Amino acid sequence: MTRHAKPKKGWLAHYSELIGVWRSAGHGKEEGEDAMHDTVLGMLKNGVGAIDDPRAYMARGTSNRLISRYRHIKALEITPLDELVEAEHPATTGADASAQFQQLAEALASALEELPPKCRWVYIRHRLEGWTHTEIAREMGLSRSMVEKYMTRALRHVSERLRHHAPY
């Protein structure tokens, strides 16, 4: 005898439907799922009963989170030095080049020490060791979205602390 699964009711039925939409729509499977999970988590923390239309709330919340993630990525777009042509590399010549490099290295170390441990760990793994956000998330037991938030915070902090080293 075959057992049929009970039909899902309420917001859970909408969750299954919308997660399927994000998976098949080509928005990026991981990004859509992370955004949906963040939306549902917020919905559960604030009380599902307070929401008149859970499906609309989840659809709009997921869309808003994807837009926000896209804006963060575009706002913090950085080109790695190895992707620049030789003429675009920042170069310092002369007797003070070594001293300037030492000051920059000390300022970076100081800025990283000021960060909370998780932000610092994410920054070091991603920027200095080349880990992907997904790898970091897996290692730390976090969502990719949370890793991106830590990275955004770290980038802003480091940028603020080092702005006098590269004022342009």
Protein backbone atom coordinates (compact mmCIF):
# COMPACT_ATOMS: atom_id res chain seq x y z
CA MET A 1 0.00 0.00 0.00
CA THR A 2 1.42 3.38 -1.00
CA ARG A 3 1.32 6.24 1.49
CA HIS A 4 0.60 9.62 0.06
CA ALA A 5 2.19 12.66 1.62
CA LYS A 6 -0.21 15.00 3.33
CA PRO A 7 -0.82 18.17 1.33
CA LYS A 8 1.00 21.13 2.77
CA LYS A 9 -1.09 23.92 4.21
CA GLY A 10 -0.62 27.62 4.83
CA TRP A 11 2.70 29.34 4.26
CA LEU A 12 4.57 26.03 3.86
CA ALA A 13 2.66 25.27 0.64
CA HIS A 14 3.67 28.68 -0.71
CA TYR A 15 7.26 28.09 0.36
CA SER A 16 7.45 24.87 -1.67
CA GLU A 17 5.90 26.57 -4.68
CA LEU A 18 8.15 29.65 -4.55
CA ILE A 19 11.36 27.73 -3.90
CA GLY A 20 10.56 25.71 -7.03
CA VAL A 21 10.05 28.93 -8.98
CA TRP A 22 13.43 30.32 -7.87
CA ARG A 23 15.15 27.04 -8.70
CA SER A 24 13.75 26.91 -12.23
CA ALA A 25 13.75 30.62 -13.11
CA GLY A 26 17.50 30.82 -13.62
CA HIS A 27 18.04 33.46 -10.92
CA GLY A 28 20.87 31.44 -9.43
CA LYS A 29 19.79 28.47 -7.38
CA GLU A 30 21.83 29.26 -4.28
CA GLU A 31 21.04 32.96 -4.26
CA GLY A 32 17.30 32.38 -4.62
CA GLU A 33 17.24 29.71 -1.94
CA ASP A 34 19.31 31.83 0.47
CA ALA A 35 17.06 34.83 -0.09
CA MET A 36 13.94 32.70 0.41
CA HIS A 37 15.33 31.17 3.60
CA ASP A 38 16.22 34.62 4.98
CA THR A 39 12.69 35.82 4.19
CA VAL A 40 11.05 32.82 5.88
CA LEU A 41 13.32 33.18 8.89
CA GLY A 42 12.26 36.81 9.27
CA MET A 43 8.64 35.81 8.83
CA LEU A 44 8.88 33.13 11.53
CA LYS A 45 10.68 35.45 13.96
CA ASN A 46 8.02 38.13 13.54
CA GLY A 47 5.07 35.74 13.71
CA VAL A 48 3.41 34.18 10.71
CA GLY A 49 -0.06 35.08 12.02
CA ALA A 50 0.63 38.80 11.62
CA ILE A 51 1.03 38.42 7.85
CA ASP A 52 -2.16 38.69 5.78
CA ASP A 53 -0.77 37.14 2.59
CA PRO A 54 2.23 34.84 3.30
CA ARG A 55 2.75 34.02 -0.39
CA ALA A 56 3.00 37.68 -1.39
CA TYR A 57 5.21 38.39 1.62
CA MET A 58 7.61 35.58 0.72
CA ALA A 59 7.70 36.48 -2.98
CA ARG A 60 8.35 40.19 -2.31
CA GLY A 61 10.79 39.51 0.52
CA THR A 62 12.83 37.12 -1.61
CA SER A 63 12.87 39.55 -4.51
CA ASN A 64 13.93 42.42 -2.24
CA ARG A 65 16.75 40.37 -0.75
CA LEU A 66 18.05 39.40 -4.19
CA ILE A 67 17.98 43.05 -5.29
CA SER A 68 19.78 44.08 -2.10
CA ARG A 69 22.45 41.41 -2.62
CA TYR A 70 22.95 42.54 -6.22
CA ARG A 71 23.35 46.17 -5.10
CA HIS A 72 25.94 45.19 -2.49
CA ILE A 73 27.93 43.26 -5.05
CA LYS A 74 27.85 46.18 -7.52
CA ALA A 75 28.66 48.78 -4.85
CA LEU A 76 31.69 46.83 -3.65
CA GLU A 77 33.00 45.62 -7.00
CA ILE A 78 36.77 45.40 -6.78
CA THR A 79 39.16 44.32 -9.50
CA PRO A 80 41.97 42.06 -8.27
CA LEU A 81 45.48 43.26 -9.10
CA ASP A 82 46.23 40.16 -11.17
CA GLU A 83 43.38 41.13 -13.54
CA LEU A 84 44.77 44.62 -14.21
CA VAL A 85 47.09 45.33 -17.12
CA GLU A 86 50.59 46.39 -16.09
CA ALA A 87 49.95 50.09 -16.74
CA GLU A 88 46.99 50.07 -14.30
CA HIS A 89 48.98 48.62 -11.37
CA PRO A 90 49.50 51.04 -8.53
CA ALA A 91 53.24 51.59 -8.35
CA THR A 92 55.47 53.47 -5.97
CA THR A 93 59.06 54.02 -6.84
CA GLY A 94 61.88 55.62 -5.01
CA ALA A 95 63.42 55.40 -1.59
CA ASP A 96 60.16 55.66 0.35
CA ALA A 97 58.38 52.78 -1.45
CA SER A 98 59.41 50.26 1.21
CA ALA A 99 58.33 52.57 4.04
CA GLN A 100 54.97 53.21 2.37
CA PHE A 101 54.40 49.49 1.90
CA GLN A 102 55.25 48.83 5.56
CA GLN A 103 52.79 51.54 6.68
CA LEU A 104 50.07 50.08 4.47
CA ALA A 105 50.69 46.55 5.78
CA GLU A 106 50.55 47.78 9.38
CA ALA A 107 47.36 49.75 8.69
CA LEU A 108 45.72 46.67 7.12
CA ALA A 109 46.74 44.47 10.06
CA SER A 110 45.38 47.07 12.48
CA ALA A 111 42.09 47.39 10.54
CA LEU A 112 41.66 43.61 10.53
CA GLU A 113 42.30 43.44 14.29
CA GLU A 114 39.47 45.95 14.84
CA LEU A 115 36.95 43.68 13.09
CA PRO A 116 34.81 41.15 14.94
CA PRO A 117 36.36 37.67 14.64
CA LYS A 118 33.85 36.29 12.11
CA CYS A 119 34.20 39.32 9.82
CA ARG A 120 37.99 39.10 10.02
CA TRP A 121 37.93 35.34 9.32
CA VAL A 122 35.67 35.82 6.27
CA TYR A 123 37.85 38.67 4.92
CA ILE A 124 41.08 36.72 5.33
CA ARG A 125 39.69 33.52 3.82
CA HIS A 126 38.13 35.31 0.84
CA ARG A 127 40.58 38.13 0.05
CA LEU A 128 43.87 36.68 1.14
CA GLU A 129 43.38 32.92 0.72
CA GLY A 130 40.96 32.92 -2.23
CA TRP A 131 38.09 30.93 -0.73
CA THR A 132 34.63 31.37 -2.28
CA HIS A 133 31.68 32.60 -0.23
CA THR A 134 30.10 29.17 -0.55
CA GLU A 135 33.22 27.44 0.79
CA ILE A 136 33.43 29.87 3.70
CA ALA A 137 29.72 29.41 4.48
CA ARG A 138 30.12 25.64 4.51
CA GLU A 139 33.21 25.83 6.75
CA MET A 140 31.61 28.25 9.23
CA GLY A 141 28.15 26.64 9.19
CA LEU A 142 26.50 29.86 7.96
CA SER A 143 24.33 30.79 5.02
CA ARG A 144 26.06 32.30 2.00
CA SER A 145 24.04 35.44 2.63
CA MET A 146 25.53 35.80 6.11
CA VAL A 147 29.04 35.37 4.72
CA GLU A 148 28.30 38.12 2.18
CA LYS A 149 27.09 40.38 4.99
CA TYR A 150 30.28 39.76 6.97
CA MET A 151 32.34 40.42 3.85
CA THR A 152 30.48 43.66 3.11
CA ARG A 153 31.06 44.85 6.66
CA ALA A 154 34.75 43.94 6.51
CA LEU A 155 35.26 45.62 3.13
CA ARG A 156 33.65 48.84 4.30
CA HIS A 157 35.72 48.88 7.47
CA VAL A 158 39.02 48.14 5.73
CA SER A 159 38.24 50.66 2.98
CA GLU A 160 37.50 53.35 5.57
CA ARG A 161 40.67 52.61 7.54
CA LEU A 162 42.93 52.54 4.46
CA ARG A 163 41.43 55.44 2.48
CA HIS A 164 44.32 57.81 3.28
CA HIS A 165 46.74 55.29 1.70
CA ALA A 166 44.90 55.45 -1.65
CA PRO A 167 42.86 58.68 -1.65
CA TYR A 168 41.75 58.47 -5.30
